[in-house]
Amino acid sequence: FEKEEYTKATVIFYEVDACKYILRLEPDLNGPDVIKQLEPQNLKEEFQKDQLLVWIKYTPKKGGVSVCMAGQMVDITDIQLRK
């Protein structure tokens, strides 16, 4: 999946205010102390499971207002289970 430009992520249950789930990206080898989180706007119900390992493709969402303020808002363009 990496060769097809997917990104490794973990679905995290994040019930704060109106939030439900965020995606936590794998730490970057150049900066392992930096954890990047994404706020998916269209995470399919079958992937809404805490600690689920996934591969994702996404595009940043522009002009939206975040309710969670826990990460960058994105639209998921593809998502697959990671084994």
PDB file of N, CA and C in Angstrom:
ATOM      1  N   PHE A   1       0.822  -1.209   0.000  1.00  0.00           N
ATOM      2  CA  PHE A   1       0.000   0.000   0.000  1.00  0.00           C
ATOM      3  C   PHE A   1       0.861   1.265   0.000  1.00  0.00           C
ATOM      4  N   GLU A   2       2.030   1.210   0.635  1.00  0.00           N
ATOM      5  CA  GLU A   2       2.896   2.388   0.648  1.00  0.00           C
ATOM      6  C   GLU A   2       3.321   2.785  -0.760  1.00  0.00           C
ATOM      7  N   LYS A   3       3.545   1.804  -1.621  1.00  0.00           N
ATOM      8  CA  LYS A   3       3.941   2.096  -3.003  1.00  0.00           C
ATOM      9  C   LYS A   3       2.824   2.806  -3.758  1.00  0.00           C
ATOM     10  N   GLU A   4       1.593   2.613  -3.299  1.00  0.00           N
ATOM     11  CA  GLU A   4       0.444   3.270  -3.921  1.00  0.00           C
ATOM     12  C   GLU A   4       0.069   4.563  -3.194  1.00  0.00           C
ATOM     13  N   GLU A   5       0.991   5.053  -2.369  1.00  0.00           N
ATOM     14  CA  GLU A   5       0.871   6.322  -1.654  1.00  0.00           C
ATOM     15  C   GLU A   5      -0.238   6.348  -0.600  1.00  0.00           C
ATOM     16  N   TYR A   6      -0.480   5.201   0.032  1.00  0.00           N
ATOM     17  CA  TYR A   6      -1.361   5.162   1.197  1.00  0.00           C
ATOM     18  C   TYR A   6      -0.537   5.529   2.423  1.00  0.00           C
ATOM     19  N   THR A   7      -1.204   5.988   3.458  1.00  0.00           N
ATOM     20  CA  THR A   7      -0.567   6.364   4.712  1.00  0.00           C
ATOM     21  C   THR A   7      -1.061   5.445   5.823  1.00  0.00           C
ATOM     22  N   LYS A   8      -0.148   5.001   6.692  1.00  0.00           N
ATOM     23  CA  LYS A   8      -0.530   4.168   7.836  1.00  0.00           C
ATOM     24  C   LYS A   8      -1.199   5.042   8.888  1.00  0.00           C
ATOM     25  N   ALA A   9      -2.318   4.543   9.418  1.00  0.00           N
ATOM     26  CA  ALA A   9      -3.016   5.295  10.466  1.00  0.00           C
ATOM     27  C   ALA A   9      -3.716   4.329  11.413  1.00  0.00           C
ATOM     28  N   THR A  10      -4.074   4.860  12.576  1.00  0.00           N
ATOM     29  CA  THR A  10      -4.846   4.114  13.564  1.00  0.00           C
ATOM     30  C   THR A  10      -6.089   4.920  13.881  1.00  0.00           C
ATOM     31  N   VAL A  11      -7.245   4.271  13.852  1.00  0.00           N
ATOM     32  CA  VAL A  11      -8.499   4.934  14.225  1.00  0.00           C
ATOM     33  C   VAL A  11      -8.540   5.020  15.741  1.00  0.00           C
ATOM     34  N   ILE A  12      -8.821   6.202  16.253  1.00  0.00           N
ATOM     35  CA  ILE A  12      -8.867   6.435  17.701  1.00  0.00           C
ATOM     36  C   ILE A  12     -10.247   6.968  18.075  1.00  0.00           C
ATOM     37  N   PHE A  13     -10.883   6.307  19.045  1.00  0.00           N
ATOM     38  CA  PHE A  13     -12.153   6.816  19.579  1.00  0.00           C
ATOM     39  C   PHE A  13     -11.819   8.054  20.394  1.00  0.00           C
ATOM     40  N   TYR A  14     -12.444   9.183  20.074  1.00  0.00           N
ATOM     41  CA  TYR A  14     -12.067  10.473  20.649  1.00  0.00           C
ATOM     42  C   TYR A  14     -13.343  11.241  20.946  1.00  0.00           C
ATOM     43  N   GLU A  15     -14.014  10.841  22.002  1.00  0.00           N
ATOM     44  CA  GLU A  15     -15.301  11.463  22.316  1.00  0.00           C
ATOM     45  C   GLU A  15     -15.093  12.714  23.170  1.00  0.00           C
ATOM     46  N   VAL A  16     -14.861  13.797  22.482  1.00  0.00           N
ATOM     47  CA  VAL A  16     -14.727  15.100  23.106  1.00  0.00           C
ATOM     48  C   VAL A  16     -15.663  16.029  22.349  1.00  0.00           C
ATOM     49  N   ASP A  17     -16.553  16.681  23.063  1.00  0.00           N
ATOM     50  CA  ASP A  17     -17.553  17.543  22.440  1.00  0.00           C
ATOM     51  C   ASP A  17     -18.308  16.758  21.364  1.00  0.00           C
ATOM     52  N   ALA A  18     -18.281  17.217  20.125  1.00  0.00           N
ATOM     53  CA  ALA A  18     -19.026  16.557  19.048  1.00  0.00           C
ATOM     54  C   ALA A  18     -18.163  15.569  18.268  1.00  0.00           C
ATOM     55  N   CYS A  19     -16.962  15.311  18.738  1.00  0.00           N
ATOM     56  CA  CYS A  19     -16.061  14.390  18.040  1.00  0.00           C
ATOM     57  C   CYS A  19     -16.439  12.945  18.327  1.00  0.00           C
ATOM     58  N   LYS A  20     -16.076  12.088  17.416  1.00  0.00           N
ATOM     59  CA  LYS A  20     -16.242  10.649  17.622  1.00  0.00           C
ATOM     60  C   LYS A  20     -14.922   9.931  17.385  1.00  0.00           C
ATOM     61  N   TYR A  21     -14.348  10.116  16.202  1.00  0.00           N
ATOM     62  CA  TYR A  21     -13.126   9.397  15.840  1.00  0.00           C
ATOM     63  C   TYR A  21     -12.134  10.335  15.154  1.00  0.00           C
ATOM     64  N   ILE A  22     -10.862  10.090  15.437  1.00  0.00           N
ATOM     65  CA  ILE A  22      -9.781  10.758  14.727  1.00  0.00           C
ATOM     66  C   ILE A  22      -8.871   9.674  14.166  1.00  0.00           C
ATOM     67  N   LEU A  23      -8.000  10.064  13.277  1.00  0.00           N
ATOM     68  CA  LEU A  23      -7.000   9.153  12.726  1.00  0.00           C
ATOM     69  C   LEU A  23      -5.636   9.630  13.184  1.00  0.00           C
ATOM     70  N   ARG A  24      -4.894   8.746  13.818  1.00  0.00           N
ATOM     71  CA  ARG A  24      -3.539   9.083  14.257  1.00  0.00           C
ATOM     72  C   ARG A  24      -2.570   8.443  13.272  1.00  0.00           C
ATOM     73  N   LEU A  25      -1.747   9.279  12.648  1.00  0.00           N
ATOM     74  CA  LEU A  25      -0.783   8.786  11.668  1.00  0.00           C
ATOM     75  C   LEU A  25       0.429   8.195  12.380  1.00  0.00           C
ATOM     76  N   GLU A  26       1.080   7.256  11.700  1.00  0.00           N
ATOM     77  CA  GLU A  26       2.295   6.658  12.240  1.00  0.00           C
ATOM     78  C   GLU A  26       3.358   7.754  12.354  1.00  0.00           C
ATOM     79  N   PRO A  27       4.187   7.698  13.404  1.00  0.00           N
ATOM     80  CA  PRO A  27       5.250   8.722  13.536  1.00  0.00           C
ATOM     81  C   PRO A  27       6.193   8.696  12.346  1.00  0.00           C
ATOM     82  N   ASP A  28       6.632   9.863  11.948  1.00  0.00           N
ATOM     83  CA  ASP A  28       7.572  10.011  10.844  1.00  0.00           C
ATOM     84  C   ASP A  28       8.970   9.633  11.343  1.00  0.00           C
ATOM     85  N   LEU A  29       9.721   8.921  10.530  1.00  0.00           N
ATOM     86  CA  LEU A  29      11.067   8.515  10.929  1.00  0.00           C
ATOM     87  C   LEU A  29      11.981   9.714  11.160  1.00  0.00           C
ATOM     88  N   ASN A  30      11.711  10.836  10.489  1.00  0.00           N
ATOM     89  CA  ASN A  30      12.527  12.034  10.662  1.00  0.00           C
ATOM     90  C   ASN A  30      12.148  12.816  11.899  1.00  0.00           C
ATOM     91  N   GLY A  31      10.986  12.561  12.435  1.00  0.00           N
ATOM     92  CA  GLY A  31      10.527  13.277  13.623  1.00  0.00           C
ATOM     93  C   GLY A  31       9.607  12.405  14.456  1.00  0.00           C
ATOM     94  N   PRO A  32      10.146  11.332  15.078  1.00  0.00           N
ATOM     95  CA  PRO A  32       9.296  10.368  15.761  1.00  0.00           C
ATOM     96  C   PRO A  32       8.521  10.935  16.953  1.00  0.00           C
ATOM     97  N   ASP A  33       8.914  12.097  17.434  1.00  0.00           N
ATOM     98  CA  ASP A  33       8.205  12.685  18.572  1.00  0.00           C
ATOM     99  C   ASP A  33       6.963  13.464  18.147  1.00  0.00           C
ATOM    100  N   VAL A  34       6.806  13.653  16.843  1.00  0.00           N
ATOM    101  CA  VAL A  34       5.667  14.408  16.330  1.00  0.00           C
ATOM    102  C   VAL A  34       4.567  13.431  15.914  1.00  0.00           C
ATOM    103  N   ILE A  35       3.425  13.519  16.577  1.00  0.00           N
ATOM    104  CA  ILE A  35       2.290  12.672  16.232  1.00  0.00           C
ATOM    105  C   ILE A  35       1.276  13.539  15.512  1.00  0.00           C
ATOM    106  N   LYS A  36       0.937  13.140  14.303  1.00  0.00           N
ATOM    107  CA  LYS A  36      -0.022  13.902  13.517  1.00  0.00           C
ATOM    108  C   LYS A  36      -1.386  13.229  13.606  1.00  0.00           C
ATOM    109  N   GLN A  37      -2.400  14.042  13.810  1.00  0.00           N
ATOM    110  CA  GLN A  37      -3.762  13.542  13.893  1.00  0.00           C
ATOM    111  C   GLN A  37      -4.615  14.211  12.841  1.00  0.00           C
ATOM    112  N   LEU A  38      -5.561  13.436  12.314  1.00  0.00           N
ATOM    113  CA  LEU A  38      -6.472  13.939  11.302  1.00  0.00           C
ATOM    114  C   LEU A  38      -7.899  13.803  11.800  1.00  0.00           C
ATOM    115  N   GLU A  39      -8.737  14.748  11.400  1.00  0.00           N
ATOM    116  CA  GLU A  39     -10.167  14.693  11.694  1.00  0.00           C
ATOM    117  C   GLU A  39     -10.888  14.322  10.400  1.00  0.00           C
ATOM    118  N   PRO A  40     -11.231  13.038  10.237  1.00  0.00           N
ATOM    119  CA  PRO A  40     -11.918  12.643   9.012  1.00  0.00           C
ATOM    120  C   PRO A  40     -13.368  13.114   9.026  1.00  0.00           C
ATOM    121  N   GLN A  41     -13.803  13.683   7.921  1.00  0.00           N
ATOM    122  CA  GLN A  41     -15.169  14.181   7.811  1.00  0.00           C
ATOM    123  C   GLN A  41     -16.114  13.129   7.255  1.00  0.00           C
ATOM    124  N   ASN A  42     -15.555  12.027   6.748  1.00  0.00           N
ATOM    125  CA  ASN A  42     -16.386  11.021   6.080  1.00  0.00           C
ATOM    126  C   ASN A  42     -15.907   9.601   6.384  1.00  0.00           C
ATOM    127  N   LEU A  43     -15.560   9.323   7.631  1.00  0.00           N
ATOM    128  CA  LEU A  43     -15.102   7.988   8.009  1.00  0.00           C
ATOM    129  C   LEU A  43     -16.285   7.029   8.003  1.00  0.00           C
ATOM    130  N   LYS A  44     -16.200   5.998   7.164  1.00  0.00           N
ATOM    131  CA  LYS A  44     -17.288   5.038   7.036  1.00  0.00           C
ATOM    132  C   LYS A  44     -17.513   4.310   8.363  1.00  0.00           C
ATOM    133  N   GLU A  45     -18.778   3.984   8.613  1.00  0.00           N
ATOM    134  CA  GLU A  45     -19.167   3.360   9.880  1.00  0.00           C
ATOM    135  C   GLU A  45     -18.397   2.071  10.166  1.00  0.00           C
ATOM    136  N   GLU A  46     -18.130   1.272   9.136  1.00  0.00           N
ATOM    137  CA  GLU A  46     -17.433   0.004   9.374  1.00  0.00           C
ATOM    138  C   GLU A  46     -15.991   0.187   9.829  1.00  0.00           C
ATOM    139  N   PHE A  47     -15.449   1.408   9.708  1.00  0.00           N
ATOM    140  CA  PHE A  47     -14.091   1.701  10.168  1.00  0.00           C
ATOM    141  C   PHE A  47     -14.093   2.484  11.486  1.00  0.00           C
ATOM    142  N   GLN A  48     -15.230   2.693  12.071  1.00  0.00           N
ATOM    143  CA  GLN A  48     -15.323   3.438  13.322  1.00  0.00           C
ATOM    144  C   GLN A  48     -15.155   2.493  14.511  1.00  0.00           C
ATOM    145  N   LYS A  49     -13.915   2.014  14.682  1.00  0.00           N
ATOM    146  CA  LYS A  49     -13.560   1.087  15.761  1.00  0.00           C
ATOM    147  C   LYS A  49     -12.251   1.539  16.368  1.00  0.00           C
ATOM    148  N   ASP A  50     -12.240   1.710  17.678  1.00  0.00           N
ATOM    149  CA  ASP A  50     -11.050   2.175  18.383  1.00  0.00           C
ATOM    150  C   ASP A  50      -9.873   1.225  18.167  1.00  0.00           C
ATOM    151  N   GLN A  51      -8.716   1.807  17.883  1.00  0.00           N
ATOM    152  CA  GLN A  51      -7.448   1.112  17.700  1.00  0.00           C
ATOM    153  C   GLN A  51      -7.387   0.275  16.408  1.00  0.00           C
ATOM    154  N   LEU A  52      -8.289   0.534  15.470  1.00  0.00           N
ATOM    155  CA  LEU A  52      -8.292  -0.178  14.198  1.00  0.00           C
ATOM    156  C   LEU A  52      -7.132   0.331  13.337  1.00  0.00           C
ATOM    157  N   LEU A  53      -6.329  -0.595  12.819  1.00  0.00           N
ATOM    158  CA  LEU A  53      -5.192  -0.239  11.967  1.00  0.00           C
ATOM    159  C   LEU A  53      -5.659  -0.172  10.523  1.00  0.00           C
ATOM    160  N   VAL A  54      -5.364   0.946   9.858  1.00  0.00           N
ATOM    161  CA  VAL A  54      -5.839   1.162   8.495  1.00  0.00           C
ATOM    162  C   VAL A  54      -4.763   1.792   7.618  1.00  0.00           C
ATOM    163  N   TRP A  55      -4.982   1.687   6.320  1.00  0.00           N
ATOM    164  CA  TRP A  55      -4.248   2.433   5.299  1.00  0.00           C
ATOM    165  C   TRP A  55      -5.220   3.478   4.769  1.00  0.00           C
ATOM    166  N   ILE A  56      -4.773   4.711   4.599  1.00  0.00           N
ATOM    167  CA  ILE A  56      -5.681   5.748   4.112  1.00  0.00           C
ATOM    168  C   ILE A  56      -5.042   6.578   2.995  1.00  0.00           C
ATOM    169  N   LYS A  57      -5.924   7.099   2.162  1.00  0.00           N
ATOM    170  CA  LYS A  57      -5.593   8.184   1.243  1.00  0.00           C
ATOM    171  C   LYS A  57      -6.570   9.294   1.604  1.00  0.00           C
ATOM    172  N   TYR A  58      -6.088  10.524   1.610  1.00  0.00           N
ATOM    173  CA  TYR A  58      -6.954  11.619   2.036  1.00  0.00           C
ATOM    174  C   TYR A  58      -6.559  12.921   1.364  1.00  0.00           C
ATOM    175  N   THR A  59      -7.500  13.860   1.398  1.00  0.00           N
ATOM    176  CA  THR A  59      -7.225  15.213   0.916  1.00  0.00           C
ATOM    177  C   THR A  59      -7.608  16.184   2.030  1.00  0.00           C
ATOM    178  N   PRO A  60      -6.805  17.219   2.226  1.00  0.00           N
ATOM    179  CA  PRO A  60      -7.142  18.217   3.240  1.00  0.00           C
ATOM    180  C   PRO A  60      -8.455  18.908   2.891  1.00  0.00           C
ATOM    181  N   LYS A  61      -9.239  19.183   3.901  1.00  0.00           N
ATOM    182  CA  LYS A  61     -10.512  19.891   3.711  1.00  0.00           C
ATOM    183  C   LYS A  61     -10.242  21.369   3.942  1.00  0.00           C
ATOM    184  N   LYS A  62     -10.600  22.154   2.974  1.00  0.00           N
ATOM    185  CA  LYS A  62     -10.336  23.597   3.064  1.00  0.00           C
ATOM    186  C   LYS A  62     -11.605  24.349   3.447  1.00  0.00           C
ATOM    187  N   GLY A  63     -11.436  25.335   4.287  1.00  0.00           N
ATOM    188  CA  GLY A  63     -12.533  26.229   4.613  1.00  0.00           C
ATOM    189  C   GLY A  63     -13.522  25.706   5.641  1.00  0.00           C
ATOM    190  N   GLY A  64     -13.297  24.499   6.171  1.00  0.00           N
ATOM    191  CA  GLY A  64     -14.206  23.967   7.180  1.00  0.00           C
ATOM    192  C   GLY A  64     -13.845  24.455   8.572  1.00  0.00           C
ATOM    193  N   VAL A  65     -14.804  24.374   9.461  1.00  0.00           N
ATOM    194  CA  VAL A  65     -14.565  24.751  10.848  1.00  0.00           C
ATOM    195  C   VAL A  65     -14.600  23.479  11.681  1.00  0.00           C
ATOM    196  N   SER A  66     -13.536  23.242  12.431  1.00  0.00           N
ATOM    197  CA  SER A  66     -13.417  22.040  13.227  1.00  0.00           C
ATOM    198  C   SER A  66     -14.175  22.163  14.543  1.00  0.00           C
ATOM    199  N   VAL A  67     -14.880  21.110  14.893  1.00  0.00           N
ATOM    200  CA  VAL A  67     -15.543  21.052  16.193  1.00  0.00           C
ATOM    201  C   VAL A  67     -14.559  20.475  17.214  1.00  0.00           C
ATOM    202  N   CYS A  68     -13.766  19.507  16.788  1.00  0.00           N
ATOM    203  CA  CYS A  68     -12.829  18.821  17.688  1.00  0.00           C
ATOM    204  C   CYS A  68     -11.584  19.642  17.989  1.00  0.00           C
ATOM    205  N   MET A  69     -11.059  20.283  16.958  1.00  0.00           N
ATOM    206  CA  MET A  69      -9.779  20.979  17.029  1.00  0.00           C
ATOM    207  C   MET A  69      -8.697  20.033  17.531  1.00  0.00           C
ATOM    208  N   ALA A  70      -8.724  18.776  17.019  1.00  0.00           N
ATOM    209  CA  ALA A  70      -7.759  17.761  17.434  1.00  0.00           C
ATOM    210  C   ALA A  70      -6.784  17.410  16.324  1.00  0.00           C
ATOM    211  N   GLY A  71      -6.979  17.999  15.149  1.00  0.00           N
ATOM    212  CA  GLY A  71      -6.102  17.688  14.030  1.00  0.00           C
ATOM    213  C   GLY A  71      -6.588  18.345  12.761  1.00  0.00           C
ATOM    214  N   GLN A  72      -5.900  18.066  11.683  1.00  0.00           N
ATOM    215  CA  GLN A  72      -6.251  18.623  10.375  1.00  0.00           C
ATOM    216  C   GLN A  72      -7.520  17.951   9.861  1.00  0.00           C
ATOM    217  N   MET A  73      -8.465  18.735   9.375  1.00  0.00           N
ATOM    218  CA  MET A  73      -9.691  18.190   8.803  1.00  0.00           C
ATOM    219  C   MET A  73      -9.393  17.647   7.418  1.00  0.00           C
ATOM    220  N   VAL A  74      -9.887  16.420   7.135  1.00  0.00           N
ATOM    221  CA  VAL A  74      -9.622  15.778   5.854  1.00  0.00           C
ATOM    222  C   VAL A  74     -10.858  15.031   5.363  1.00  0.00           C
ATOM    223  N   ASP A  75     -10.862  14.777   4.070  1.00  0.00           N
ATOM    224  CA  ASP A  75     -11.824  13.863   3.459  1.00  0.00           C
ATOM    225  C   ASP A  75     -11.050  12.606   3.093  1.00  0.00           C
ATOM    226  N   ILE A  76     -11.551  11.456   3.495  1.00  0.00           N
ATOM    227  CA  ILE A  76     -10.926  10.182   3.167  1.00  0.00           C
ATOM    228  C   ILE A  76     -11.317   9.829   1.730  1.00  0.00           C
ATOM    229  N   THR A  77     -10.312   9.607   0.872  1.00  0.00           N
ATOM    230  CA  THR A  77     -10.603   9.213  -0.501  1.00  0.00           C
ATOM    231  C   THR A  77     -10.571   7.703  -0.664  1.00  0.00           C
ATOM    232  N   ASP A  78      -9.829   7.021   0.214  1.00  0.00           N
ATOM    233  CA  ASP A  78      -9.835   5.551   0.236  1.00  0.00           C
ATOM    234  C   ASP A  78      -9.310   5.098   1.584  1.00  0.00           C
ATOM    235  N   ILE A  79      -9.831   3.961   2.041  1.00  0.00           N
ATOM    236  CA  ILE A  79      -9.407   3.391   3.315  1.00  0.00           C
ATOM    237  C   ILE A  79      -9.466   1.880   3.210  1.00  0.00           C
ATOM    238  N   GLN A  80      -8.432   1.228   3.740  1.00  0.00           N
ATOM    239  CA  GLN A  80      -8.321  -0.229   3.717  1.00  0.00           C
ATOM    240  C   GLN A  80      -7.830  -0.707   5.079  1.00  0.00           C
ATOM    241  N   LEU A  81      -8.230  -1.919   5.458  1.00  0.00           N
ATOM    242  CA  LEU A  81      -7.722  -2.496   6.701  1.00  0.00           C
ATOM    243  C   LEU A  81      -6.249  -2.801   6.562  1.00  0.00           C
ATOM    244  N   ARG A  82      -5.512  -2.591   7.647  1.00  0.00           N
ATOM    245  CA  ARG A  82      -4.083  -2.890   7.669  1.00  0.00           C
ATOM    246  C   ARG A  82      -3.891  -4.149   8.491  1.00  0.00           C
ATOM    247  N   LYS A  83      -3.103  -5.071   7.979  1.00  0.00           N
ATOM    248  CA  LYS A  83      -2.886  -6.344   8.690  1.00  0.00           C
ATOM    249  C   LYS A  83      -1.483  -6.447   9.212  1.00  0.00           C
TER     250      LYS A  83
END
